[in-house]
N, C-alpha and C. Protein backbone atom coordinates (compact mmCIF):
# COMPACT_ATOMS: atom_id res chain seq x y z
N MET A 1 33.30 -57.95 91.86
CA MET A 1 32.59 -59.36 91.63
C MET A 1 31.41 -59.71 92.98
N ALA A 2 32.05 -59.22 93.86
CA ALA A 2 31.19 -59.53 95.20
C ALA A 2 29.97 -58.79 95.12
N LYS A 3 30.20 -57.38 94.76
CA LYS A 3 29.19 -56.38 94.79
C LYS A 3 28.08 -56.90 93.68
N PHE A 4 28.36 -57.49 92.68
CA PHE A 4 27.66 -57.74 91.55
C PHE A 4 26.75 -58.96 91.86
N GLU A 5 27.67 -59.99 92.55
CA GLU A 5 26.73 -61.33 93.07
C GLU A 5 25.77 -60.72 94.09
N SER A 6 25.97 -59.99 95.24
CA SER A 6 25.13 -59.37 96.10
C SER A 6 23.89 -58.82 95.55
N LEU A 7 24.07 -57.78 94.43
CA LEU A 7 23.16 -57.23 93.96
C LEU A 7 22.37 -58.46 93.08
N VAL A 8 22.81 -59.37 92.52
CA VAL A 8 22.11 -60.14 91.87
C VAL A 8 21.05 -60.80 92.80
N SER A 9 21.71 -61.20 93.95
CA SER A 9 21.07 -62.11 94.96
C SER A 9 19.91 -61.55 95.44
N ASP A 10 20.27 -59.97 95.68
CA ASP A 10 19.16 -59.15 96.04
C ASP A 10 17.74 -59.21 95.13
N ILE A 11 18.11 -58.84 93.76
CA ILE A 11 16.97 -58.84 92.77
C ILE A 11 16.52 -60.06 92.89
N ARG A 12 17.07 -61.46 92.85
CA ARG A 12 16.32 -62.72 92.99
C ARG A 12 15.48 -62.92 93.96
N ALA A 13 15.84 -62.00 95.11
CA ALA A 13 14.81 -62.13 96.31
C ALA A 13 13.69 -61.28 96.57
N CYS A 14 13.89 -60.22 95.44
CA CYS A 14 13.16 -58.97 95.45
C CYS A 14 11.63 -59.42 95.60
N THR A 15 10.85 -58.62 96.52
CA THR A 15 9.44 -58.81 96.71
C THR A 15 8.66 -57.64 96.68
N LEU A 16 9.16 -56.65 96.00
CA LEU A 16 8.77 -55.34 95.95
C LEU A 16 7.51 -55.06 95.36
N CYS A 17 7.23 -55.55 94.30
CA CYS A 17 5.70 -55.76 93.77
C CYS A 17 4.88 -56.84 94.20
N ALA A 18 4.89 -57.68 95.29
CA ALA A 18 4.43 -58.72 95.77
C ALA A 18 2.62 -58.58 95.93
N ASP A 19 2.54 -57.43 96.04
CA ASP A 19 1.01 -57.24 96.34
C ASP A 19 0.19 -57.08 94.93
N HIS A 20 0.99 -56.58 93.96
CA HIS A 20 0.50 -56.17 92.73
C HIS A 20 0.87 -57.37 91.38
N LEU A 21 1.22 -58.54 91.80
CA LEU A 21 1.60 -59.65 90.96
C LEU A 21 0.59 -60.96 91.00
N PRO A 22 0.00 -61.33 90.25
CA PRO A 22 -1.12 -62.21 90.42
C PRO A 22 -0.14 -63.57 90.74
N LEU A 23 0.72 -63.89 90.06
CA LEU A 23 1.33 -65.29 90.38
C LEU A 23 2.32 -65.00 91.56
N GLY A 24 2.84 -64.08 92.08
CA GLY A 24 3.40 -63.60 93.14
C GLY A 24 5.02 -63.48 92.27
N PRO A 25 5.86 -63.04 93.38
CA PRO A 25 7.14 -62.73 92.83
C PRO A 25 7.88 -63.69 92.03
N ARG A 26 8.51 -63.66 91.05
CA ARG A 26 9.50 -64.78 90.68
C ARG A 26 10.38 -63.71 89.77
N PRO A 27 11.41 -63.15 90.21
CA PRO A 27 12.12 -62.36 89.33
C PRO A 27 13.14 -63.23 88.27
N VAL A 28 12.88 -63.00 87.02
CA VAL A 28 13.48 -63.82 85.87
C VAL A 28 14.64 -62.91 85.20
N ILE A 29 15.99 -63.12 85.35
CA ILE A 29 17.01 -62.63 84.88
C ILE A 29 18.13 -63.63 84.79
N GLN A 30 18.73 -63.34 83.59
CA GLN A 30 20.15 -64.06 83.04
C GLN A 30 21.16 -63.22 83.15
N VAL A 31 22.16 -62.99 84.09
CA VAL A 31 23.19 -62.30 83.99
C VAL A 31 24.49 -63.01 84.66
N SER A 32 25.69 -62.16 83.87
CA SER A 32 27.03 -62.74 84.19
C SER A 32 27.85 -61.35 83.97
N GLN A 33 29.01 -61.38 84.42
CA GLN A 33 29.87 -60.30 84.23
C GLN A 33 30.92 -60.44 82.94
N GLN A 34 30.38 -61.69 82.13
CA GLN A 34 31.34 -62.07 80.94
C GLN A 34 30.17 -61.90 79.74
N ALA A 35 28.91 -61.71 79.75
CA ALA A 35 28.49 -61.69 78.56
C ALA A 35 28.33 -60.07 77.84
N LYS A 36 28.83 -60.51 76.56
CA LYS A 36 29.00 -59.17 75.66
C LYS A 36 27.42 -59.07 75.18
N ILE A 37 26.53 -59.61 75.19
CA ILE A 37 25.17 -59.32 74.67
C ILE A 37 24.16 -59.14 75.63
N LEU A 38 23.23 -58.13 75.78
CA LEU A 38 22.45 -57.82 76.80
C LEU A 38 20.97 -57.75 76.00
N VAL A 39 20.01 -58.60 76.25
CA VAL A 39 18.80 -58.61 75.53
C VAL A 39 17.78 -58.02 76.74
N VAL A 40 17.25 -57.20 76.46
CA VAL A 40 15.98 -56.33 77.27
C VAL A 40 14.72 -56.46 76.66
N GLY A 41 13.94 -57.58 77.50
CA GLY A 41 12.62 -57.55 77.16
C GLY A 41 11.52 -56.52 77.66
N GLN A 42 10.31 -57.03 77.75
CA GLN A 42 9.48 -56.19 78.57
C GLN A 42 9.33 -57.01 79.82
N ALA A 43 8.84 -58.14 80.15
CA ALA A 43 8.42 -58.84 81.21
C ALA A 43 8.22 -60.15 81.28
N PRO A 44 8.89 -60.87 81.92
CA PRO A 44 8.08 -62.51 81.55
C PRO A 44 6.86 -62.58 81.58
N GLY A 45 6.44 -63.85 80.67
CA GLY A 45 4.97 -64.31 80.59
C GLY A 45 4.81 -65.32 81.51
N THR A 46 3.77 -66.03 81.50
CA THR A 46 3.13 -67.15 82.45
C THR A 46 4.18 -68.32 82.00
N ALA A 47 4.58 -68.59 80.68
CA ALA A 47 5.51 -69.82 80.47
C ALA A 47 6.92 -69.66 81.35
N VAL A 48 7.45 -68.09 81.23
CA VAL A 48 8.55 -67.88 81.76
C VAL A 48 8.68 -67.88 83.01
N HIS A 49 7.49 -67.55 83.64
CA HIS A 49 7.48 -67.57 85.09
C HIS A 49 7.60 -68.88 85.56
N ARG A 50 6.83 -70.02 84.95
CA ARG A 50 6.64 -71.09 85.49
C ARG A 50 8.01 -71.66 85.39
N THR A 51 8.75 -71.32 84.28
CA THR A 51 10.07 -72.28 84.31
C THR A 51 11.42 -71.42 84.62
N GLY A 52 11.20 -70.12 85.05
CA GLY A 52 12.23 -69.46 85.21
C GLY A 52 13.36 -69.44 84.48
N LEU A 53 12.82 -69.34 82.96
CA LEU A 53 14.05 -69.19 81.76
C LEU A 53 13.51 -68.22 80.89
N PRO A 54 14.11 -67.12 80.84
CA PRO A 54 13.75 -65.94 79.89
C PRO A 54 13.31 -66.33 78.48
N PHE A 55 12.45 -65.83 77.98
CA PHE A 55 12.11 -66.13 76.70
C PHE A 55 12.11 -67.69 76.06
N ASN A 56 11.51 -68.29 77.13
CA ASN A 56 11.55 -69.57 77.21
C ASN A 56 9.99 -69.75 76.41
N ASP A 57 9.58 -69.39 75.20
CA ASP A 57 8.23 -69.33 74.57
C ASP A 57 8.19 -68.99 73.41
N PRO A 58 7.07 -69.30 72.65
CA PRO A 58 7.35 -68.80 71.10
C PRO A 58 8.02 -67.30 70.69
N SER A 59 7.60 -66.34 71.72
CA SER A 59 8.19 -65.43 71.38
C SER A 59 9.88 -65.52 71.41
N GLY A 60 10.40 -66.32 72.32
CA GLY A 60 11.79 -66.70 72.49
C GLY A 60 12.43 -67.42 71.34
N ASP A 61 11.49 -68.33 70.73
CA ASP A 61 11.76 -69.21 69.31
C ASP A 61 12.31 -67.93 68.24
N ARG A 62 11.37 -67.03 67.88
CA ARG A 62 11.69 -66.08 67.05
C ARG A 62 12.67 -65.24 67.37
N LEU A 63 13.03 -65.04 68.79
CA LEU A 63 13.94 -63.92 68.92
C LEU A 63 15.15 -64.51 68.54
N ARG A 64 15.51 -65.98 69.16
CA ARG A 64 16.75 -66.76 68.75
C ARG A 64 17.11 -66.74 67.20
N ARG A 65 15.83 -67.01 66.68
CA ARG A 65 15.86 -67.09 65.02
C ARG A 65 16.57 -65.64 64.66
N TRP A 66 16.03 -64.83 65.06
CA TRP A 66 16.55 -63.52 64.51
C TRP A 66 17.66 -63.35 65.00
N MET A 67 18.27 -63.61 66.03
CA MET A 67 19.48 -63.31 66.36
C MET A 67 20.35 -64.40 65.76
N GLY A 68 20.19 -65.52 65.45
CA GLY A 68 21.01 -66.61 64.65
C GLY A 68 21.47 -67.39 65.83
N VAL A 69 20.76 -67.58 66.83
CA VAL A 69 21.65 -68.49 68.06
C VAL A 69 20.76 -69.69 68.14
N ASP A 70 21.18 -70.70 68.86
CA ASP A 70 20.39 -71.77 69.35
C ASP A 70 20.12 -71.43 70.78
N ARG A 71 19.37 -72.45 71.48
CA ARG A 71 19.31 -72.34 73.01
C ARG A 71 20.23 -72.51 73.66
N ASP A 72 21.30 -73.36 73.36
CA ASP A 72 22.58 -73.55 74.28
C ASP A 72 23.27 -72.30 74.03
N VAL A 73 23.37 -71.13 72.98
CA VAL A 73 24.01 -70.03 73.12
C VAL A 73 23.55 -68.88 74.22
N PHE A 74 21.89 -69.05 73.91
CA PHE A 74 21.07 -67.89 74.18
C PHE A 74 21.01 -68.22 75.94
N TYR A 75 21.00 -69.48 76.26
CA TYR A 75 20.91 -69.96 77.73
C TYR A 75 22.29 -69.93 78.56
N ASP A 76 23.44 -69.35 77.50
CA ASP A 76 24.68 -69.35 78.48
C ASP A 76 24.95 -67.89 78.90
N ASP A 77 24.91 -68.08 80.05
CA ASP A 77 24.95 -66.63 80.50
C ASP A 77 26.34 -65.79 80.61
N ARG A 78 27.31 -66.57 79.90
CA ARG A 78 28.53 -66.07 79.94
C ARG A 78 28.85 -65.09 78.29
N LYS A 79 27.57 -65.72 77.61
CA LYS A 79 27.35 -64.86 76.16
C LYS A 79 26.33 -63.92 76.16
N VAL A 80 25.16 -64.54 76.93
CA VAL A 80 23.92 -63.76 76.53
C VAL A 80 23.08 -63.20 78.03
N ALA A 81 23.06 -62.02 78.23
CA ALA A 81 22.49 -61.79 79.34
C ALA A 81 21.02 -61.33 79.12
N THR A 82 20.05 -61.68 79.97
CA THR A 82 18.59 -61.09 79.81
C THR A 82 18.24 -60.24 80.95
N VAL A 83 17.88 -58.84 80.90
CA VAL A 83 17.35 -58.22 81.78
C VAL A 83 16.38 -57.38 81.48
N PRO A 84 14.98 -58.01 81.35
CA PRO A 84 13.94 -57.23 81.04
C PRO A 84 13.29 -56.10 81.91
N MET A 85 12.53 -55.21 81.18
CA MET A 85 12.14 -54.06 81.93
C MET A 85 11.51 -54.19 83.24
N GLY A 86 10.57 -55.24 83.14
CA GLY A 86 10.23 -55.81 84.55
C GLY A 86 10.23 -57.13 84.84
N PHE A 87 10.85 -57.68 86.06
CA PHE A 87 11.36 -58.77 86.18
C PHE A 87 10.38 -59.95 86.43
N CYS A 88 9.14 -59.58 86.74
CA CYS A 88 8.27 -60.84 87.28
C CYS A 88 7.17 -60.38 86.49
N TYR A 89 6.32 -61.57 86.38
CA TYR A 89 5.26 -61.46 85.50
C TYR A 89 4.04 -60.48 85.86
N PRO A 90 3.67 -59.61 85.29
CA PRO A 90 2.53 -58.80 85.89
C PRO A 90 1.11 -58.60 85.83
N GLY A 91 0.86 -59.67 84.81
CA GLY A 91 -0.55 -60.04 85.12
C GLY A 91 -1.20 -59.83 83.81
N LYS A 92 -2.27 -60.38 83.65
CA LYS A 92 -2.95 -59.93 82.10
C LYS A 92 -3.97 -58.86 82.11
N GLY A 93 -3.78 -58.09 80.97
CA GLY A 93 -4.70 -57.11 80.86
C GLY A 93 -5.65 -57.22 79.41
N PRO A 94 -6.32 -56.21 79.11
CA PRO A 94 -7.12 -56.30 78.03
C PRO A 94 -6.40 -56.60 76.61
N GLY A 95 -5.55 -56.49 76.26
CA GLY A 95 -4.88 -56.59 75.13
C GLY A 95 -3.75 -57.47 75.37
N GLY A 96 -3.41 -58.21 76.32
CA GLY A 96 -2.43 -59.03 76.66
C GLY A 96 -1.94 -58.84 77.89
N ASP A 97 -0.51 -59.20 78.15
CA ASP A 97 0.14 -59.12 79.35
C ASP A 97 0.15 -57.40 79.56
N LEU A 98 0.05 -57.09 81.03
CA LEU A 98 -0.07 -55.91 81.63
C LEU A 98 1.79 -55.36 81.11
N PRO A 99 1.71 -53.88 81.20
CA PRO A 99 2.81 -53.38 81.14
C PRO A 99 3.86 -53.86 82.49
N PRO A 100 5.31 -53.91 82.11
CA PRO A 100 6.05 -54.14 83.11
C PRO A 100 5.86 -53.45 84.55
N ARG A 101 6.02 -53.58 85.29
CA ARG A 101 6.22 -52.67 86.67
C ARG A 101 6.95 -51.98 86.81
N LYS A 102 6.71 -50.61 86.96
CA LYS A 102 8.09 -49.39 86.82
C LYS A 102 8.64 -49.66 87.90
N GLU A 103 8.55 -50.44 89.16
CA GLU A 103 9.51 -50.08 90.36
C GLU A 103 10.72 -51.14 89.91
N CYS A 104 10.68 -52.24 88.95
CA CYS A 104 11.75 -52.55 88.99
C CYS A 104 13.11 -51.69 88.07
N ALA A 105 12.58 -51.19 87.15
CA ALA A 105 13.58 -50.05 86.58
C ALA A 105 14.24 -49.44 87.26
N ALA A 106 13.17 -48.48 88.26
CA ALA A 106 13.48 -47.45 89.26
C ALA A 106 14.47 -47.85 89.96
N THR A 107 14.23 -49.15 90.44
CA THR A 107 14.77 -49.75 91.76
C THR A 107 16.38 -50.53 91.56
N TRP A 108 16.18 -50.99 90.24
CA TRP A 108 17.49 -52.14 90.01
C TRP A 108 18.18 -51.98 88.64
N ARG A 109 17.62 -51.33 87.98
CA ARG A 109 18.26 -51.11 86.47
C ARG A 109 19.19 -50.67 86.29
N LYS A 110 19.39 -49.37 86.77
CA LYS A 110 20.98 -48.61 86.38
C LYS A 110 22.05 -49.63 87.42
N GLN A 111 21.77 -49.54 88.48
CA GLN A 111 23.03 -50.22 89.39
C GLN A 111 23.55 -51.38 88.69
N LEU A 112 22.40 -52.32 88.24
CA LEU A 112 22.91 -53.71 87.53
C LEU A 112 23.57 -53.47 86.46
N LEU A 113 22.79 -52.51 85.57
CA LEU A 113 23.74 -52.06 84.24
C LEU A 113 25.17 -51.72 84.39
N ASP A 114 25.22 -50.95 85.59
CA ASP A 114 26.70 -49.94 85.73
C ASP A 114 27.25 -51.26 86.36
N LEU A 115 27.13 -52.12 86.54
CA LEU A 115 28.25 -53.41 87.00
C LEU A 115 28.54 -54.40 85.67
N MET A 116 27.91 -54.01 84.79
CA MET A 116 27.99 -54.77 83.42
C MET A 116 28.50 -54.14 82.15
N PRO A 117 29.85 -53.55 82.20
CA PRO A 117 30.48 -52.48 81.42
C PRO A 117 30.91 -53.46 80.43
N GLN A 118 31.21 -54.85 80.37
CA GLN A 118 31.71 -55.54 79.02
C GLN A 118 30.57 -55.76 78.13
N VAL A 119 29.29 -55.30 78.12
CA VAL A 119 28.22 -55.42 77.49
C VAL A 119 28.65 -54.70 76.07
N GLU A 120 28.56 -55.49 74.94
CA GLU A 120 29.09 -54.66 73.65
C GLU A 120 27.67 -54.46 72.73
N LEU A 121 26.73 -55.26 72.94
CA LEU A 121 25.47 -55.31 72.15
C LEU A 121 24.63 -55.21 73.20
N THR A 122 23.49 -54.49 72.74
CA THR A 122 21.99 -54.28 73.79
C THR A 122 20.93 -54.17 72.52
N ILE A 123 20.16 -55.48 72.64
CA ILE A 123 19.07 -55.80 72.17
C ILE A 123 17.59 -55.28 72.69
N ALA A 124 16.95 -54.28 72.38
CA ALA A 124 16.09 -53.67 73.01
C ALA A 124 15.18 -54.34 72.14
N VAL A 125 14.23 -55.32 73.10
CA VAL A 125 13.14 -55.82 72.21
C VAL A 125 11.62 -55.24 72.80
N GLY A 126 11.07 -54.59 72.03
CA GLY A 126 9.51 -54.21 72.32
C GLY A 126 9.53 -52.57 72.67
N ARG A 127 8.72 -52.24 72.69
CA ARG A 127 8.33 -50.63 73.19
C ARG A 127 9.01 -50.15 74.36
N TYR A 128 8.78 -50.72 75.31
CA TYR A 128 9.28 -50.39 76.85
C TYR A 128 10.85 -50.35 76.71
N ALA A 129 11.60 -51.44 76.21
CA ALA A 129 12.77 -51.45 76.05
C ALA A 129 13.40 -50.37 75.41
N ILE A 130 12.79 -50.45 74.39
CA ILE A 130 13.14 -49.28 73.00
C ILE A 130 12.83 -47.63 73.79
N ASN A 131 11.82 -47.47 74.60
CA ASN A 131 11.61 -46.26 75.16
C ASN A 131 12.78 -45.97 76.19
N TRP A 132 13.21 -46.84 76.82
CA TRP A 132 14.14 -46.83 78.20
C TRP A 132 15.37 -46.61 77.25
N HIS A 133 16.00 -47.38 76.22
CA HIS A 133 17.38 -47.39 75.94
C HIS A 133 17.50 -46.13 74.65
N LEU A 134 16.12 -45.94 73.84
CA LEU A 134 16.46 -45.11 72.70
C LEU A 134 15.87 -43.65 72.89
N LYS A 135 14.92 -43.72 74.01
CA LYS A 135 14.26 -42.35 74.37
C LYS A 135 13.67 -41.51 73.44
N PRO A 136 13.01 -42.34 72.41
CA PRO A 136 12.25 -41.52 71.11
C PRO A 136 11.33 -40.48 71.75
N PRO A 137 11.09 -39.65 70.82
CA PRO A 137 9.76 -38.78 70.79
C PRO A 137 8.84 -39.45 71.53
N SER A 138 7.72 -39.07 72.46
CA SER A 138 6.75 -39.90 72.90
C SER A 138 5.64 -40.44 71.75
N LYS A 139 5.47 -39.37 70.64
CA LYS A 139 4.74 -39.22 69.54
C LYS A 139 5.16 -40.42 68.40
N MET A 140 6.27 -40.60 68.58
CA MET A 140 6.96 -41.23 67.68
C MET A 140 6.51 -42.99 67.34
N THR A 141 6.35 -43.33 66.25
CA THR A 141 5.62 -44.79 66.24
C THR A 141 6.76 -45.64 66.28
N LEU A 142 6.31 -46.97 66.60
CA LEU A 142 7.25 -48.01 66.82
C LEU A 142 8.00 -48.18 65.71
N ALA A 143 7.34 -48.26 64.52
CA ALA A 143 8.02 -48.26 63.07
C ALA A 143 9.40 -47.43 62.87
N ASP A 144 8.62 -46.00 63.33
CA ASP A 144 9.66 -44.92 62.93
C ASP A 144 10.82 -44.96 64.07
N ALA A 145 10.59 -45.50 65.47
CA ALA A 145 11.81 -45.84 66.30
C ALA A 145 12.72 -46.83 65.71
N LEU A 146 12.01 -48.08 64.94
CA LEU A 146 12.98 -48.98 64.58
C LEU A 146 13.72 -48.52 63.29
N SER A 147 13.09 -47.65 62.77
CA SER A 147 13.87 -47.21 61.48
C SER A 147 15.11 -46.13 61.75
N THR A 148 15.02 -46.17 62.87
CA THR A 148 16.69 -45.28 63.49
C THR A 148 17.53 -46.26 63.86
N TRP A 149 17.49 -47.32 63.56
CA TRP A 149 18.35 -48.53 64.06
C TRP A 149 19.67 -48.36 63.69
N ARG A 150 20.01 -47.93 62.32
CA ARG A 150 21.42 -47.78 61.94
C ARG A 150 22.09 -46.56 62.70
N ASP A 151 21.17 -45.77 63.47
CA ASP A 151 21.76 -44.80 64.31
C ASP A 151 22.60 -44.99 65.51
N HIS A 152 22.04 -46.19 65.79
CA HIS A 152 22.66 -46.97 67.23
C HIS A 152 23.70 -48.18 67.00
N TYR A 153 23.56 -48.88 65.65
CA TYR A 153 24.46 -49.95 65.39
C TYR A 153 25.74 -49.69 65.50
N PRO A 154 26.64 -50.22 66.00
CA PRO A 154 26.66 -51.75 66.57
C PRO A 154 26.33 -52.05 67.84
N ASP A 155 26.08 -50.83 68.54
CA ASP A 155 26.26 -51.10 69.94
C ASP A 155 24.63 -51.33 70.44
N LEU A 156 24.09 -51.15 69.87
CA LEU A 156 22.40 -50.89 70.18
C LEU A 156 21.44 -51.71 69.00
N VAL A 157 20.71 -52.56 69.12
CA VAL A 157 19.54 -53.00 68.16
C VAL A 157 18.39 -53.04 68.62
N PRO A 158 17.23 -52.22 68.25
CA PRO A 158 16.09 -52.19 68.60
C PRO A 158 15.13 -53.17 67.77
N LEU A 159 14.45 -53.98 68.13
CA LEU A 159 13.20 -54.86 67.45
C LEU A 159 12.05 -54.99 68.08
N PRO A 160 11.12 -55.19 67.26
CA PRO A 160 9.87 -55.02 67.58
C PRO A 160 9.55 -56.16 68.60
N HIS A 161 8.63 -56.77 69.41
CA HIS A 161 8.53 -57.69 70.09
C HIS A 161 8.37 -58.70 69.44
N PRO A 162 8.87 -60.06 69.58
CA PRO A 162 8.81 -61.16 68.82
C PRO A 162 7.41 -62.12 69.10
N SER A 163 6.53 -61.74 69.76
CA SER A 163 5.43 -62.11 70.09
C SER A 163 4.74 -62.74 68.64
N PRO A 164 4.14 -63.99 68.64
CA PRO A 164 3.14 -64.38 67.54
C PRO A 164 2.17 -63.34 67.25
N ARG A 165 1.45 -62.59 68.56
CA ARG A 165 0.73 -61.57 68.14
C ARG A 165 1.16 -60.45 67.09
N ASN A 166 2.58 -60.34 67.14
CA ASN A 166 3.21 -59.43 65.89
C ASN A 166 3.06 -59.84 64.76
N THR A 167 3.03 -60.99 64.14
CA THR A 167 3.20 -61.80 63.13
C THR A 167 2.38 -60.47 61.88
N TYR A 168 1.27 -60.04 62.17
CA TYR A 168 0.61 -59.26 61.24
C TYR A 168 1.30 -57.81 61.07
N TRP A 169 1.74 -57.57 62.07
CA TRP A 169 2.70 -56.03 62.28
C TRP A 169 3.77 -56.36 61.43
N LEU A 170 4.69 -57.56 61.58
CA LEU A 170 5.56 -57.78 60.76
C LEU A 170 5.60 -58.16 59.23
N ARG A 171 4.63 -58.57 58.94
CA ARG A 171 4.21 -58.72 57.47
C ARG A 171 3.99 -57.54 56.78
N ASN A 172 3.44 -56.57 57.74
CA ASN A 172 3.27 -55.05 57.12
C ASN A 172 4.46 -54.31 57.21
N HIS A 173 5.45 -54.65 57.91
CA HIS A 173 6.92 -54.00 58.00
C HIS A 173 7.86 -54.97 57.57
N PRO A 174 7.91 -55.42 56.36
CA PRO A 174 9.14 -56.42 56.00
C PRO A 174 10.31 -55.98 56.32
N TRP A 175 10.60 -54.73 56.10
CA TRP A 175 12.07 -54.30 56.10
C TRP A 175 12.82 -54.69 57.46
N VAL A 176 11.73 -54.79 58.38
CA VAL A 176 12.51 -55.11 59.79
C VAL A 176 13.44 -56.50 59.62
N GLU A 177 12.68 -57.78 58.93
CA GLU A 177 13.53 -58.92 58.93
C GLU A 177 14.35 -58.80 57.85
N ALA A 178 14.44 -57.92 56.57
CA ALA A 178 14.81 -57.81 55.75
C ALA A 178 16.23 -57.07 56.02
N GLU A 179 16.18 -56.12 56.72
CA GLU A 179 17.23 -55.17 57.20
C GLU A 179 17.99 -55.27 58.47
N ILE A 180 17.02 -55.35 59.43
CA ILE A 180 17.75 -55.05 60.59
C ILE A 180 17.97 -56.66 60.98
N VAL A 181 17.27 -57.54 61.19
CA VAL A 181 17.68 -59.08 61.30
C VAL A 181 19.04 -59.26 60.73
N PRO A 182 19.37 -59.35 59.28
CA PRO A 182 20.67 -59.69 58.92
C PRO A 182 21.64 -58.94 59.52
N ALA A 183 21.45 -57.68 59.83
CA ALA A 183 22.42 -56.76 60.72
C ALA A 183 22.89 -57.41 61.78
N LEU A 184 21.75 -57.65 62.50
CA LEU A 184 21.72 -58.34 64.09
C LEU A 184 22.65 -59.61 63.84
N GLN A 185 22.32 -60.49 63.26
CA GLN A 185 23.01 -61.72 62.95
C GLN A 185 24.59 -61.58 62.88
N ALA A 186 24.98 -60.70 62.04
CA ALA A 186 26.20 -60.35 61.86
C ALA A 186 26.76 -60.05 62.98
N ARG A 187 26.30 -58.85 63.74
CA ARG A 187 26.73 -58.50 65.21
C ARG A 187 26.78 -59.52 66.02
N VAL A 188 25.77 -60.25 66.24
CA VAL A 188 25.79 -61.38 67.24
C VAL A 188 26.69 -62.30 66.86
N SER A 189 26.99 -62.61 65.78
CA SER A 189 28.03 -63.61 65.23
C SER A 189 29.46 -63.17 65.59
N GLU A 190 29.68 -61.94 65.46
CA GLU A 190 30.96 -61.28 65.91
C GLU A 190 31.29 -61.57 67.48
N LEU A 191 30.20 -61.59 68.24
CA LEU A 191 30.54 -61.44 69.81
C LEU A 191 30.38 -62.98 70.28
N VAL A 192 29.41 -63.78 69.36
CA VAL A 192 29.31 -65.34 70.13
C VAL A 192 29.98 -66.37 69.23
N GLY A 193 30.43 -65.97 68.02
CA GLY A 193 30.93 -67.08 66.94
C GLY A 193 29.65 -67.17 65.76
N PRO A 194 30.03 -68.01 64.70
CA PRO A 194 29.05 -68.04 63.81
C PRO A 194 27.69 -68.44 64.29
N ALA A 195 26.54 -68.09 63.46
CA ALA A 195 25.21 -68.54 63.66
C ALA A 195 25.21 -70.26 63.99
N SER A 196 24.24 -70.35 64.78
CA SER A 196 23.95 -71.97 65.38
C SER A 196 22.70 -72.31 65.09
N VAL A 197 22.02 -71.78 64.27
CA VAL A 197 20.83 -72.20 63.85
C VAL A 197 20.55 -72.23 62.33
């Protein structure tokens, strides 16, 4: 426990990428050694950077609907941990936010997840998390990577990013919400209790 708390303290104080972060460092994670569900996103956006709450934006609203949980469950770190691929807001790029800084995963990810063996379900949200956890072939499309979800269930569920920017993509891939989401909700319910939304 002391090792875990020390590591979390070090992560929260991290300034490794300070020179590259337009809003400065503010690592946003939600962790405990009780949580059975681990949500792995991309990196905080500006709203999350401001509040310090993971997925505290429209993407989070959709993700919580997909999981079948309300904010009380989602923000209870004894139930749900959130460890994005990049802990700080990386800045804006031409098509949205920049990719997560690679230093985060290289420096912190393995040692933190090694101290969280209680996790029974990992939800890999978006391409960066899917690439890390599923390691699909580089030429595999997101849809093809998601179509392998049954191969990883019930320990891991891949999801597209729940951003409103992906609404059109989701409309063209209705099987994601018709097949993956109900299975995800059933698994989450097993771990934290019946759906609360």
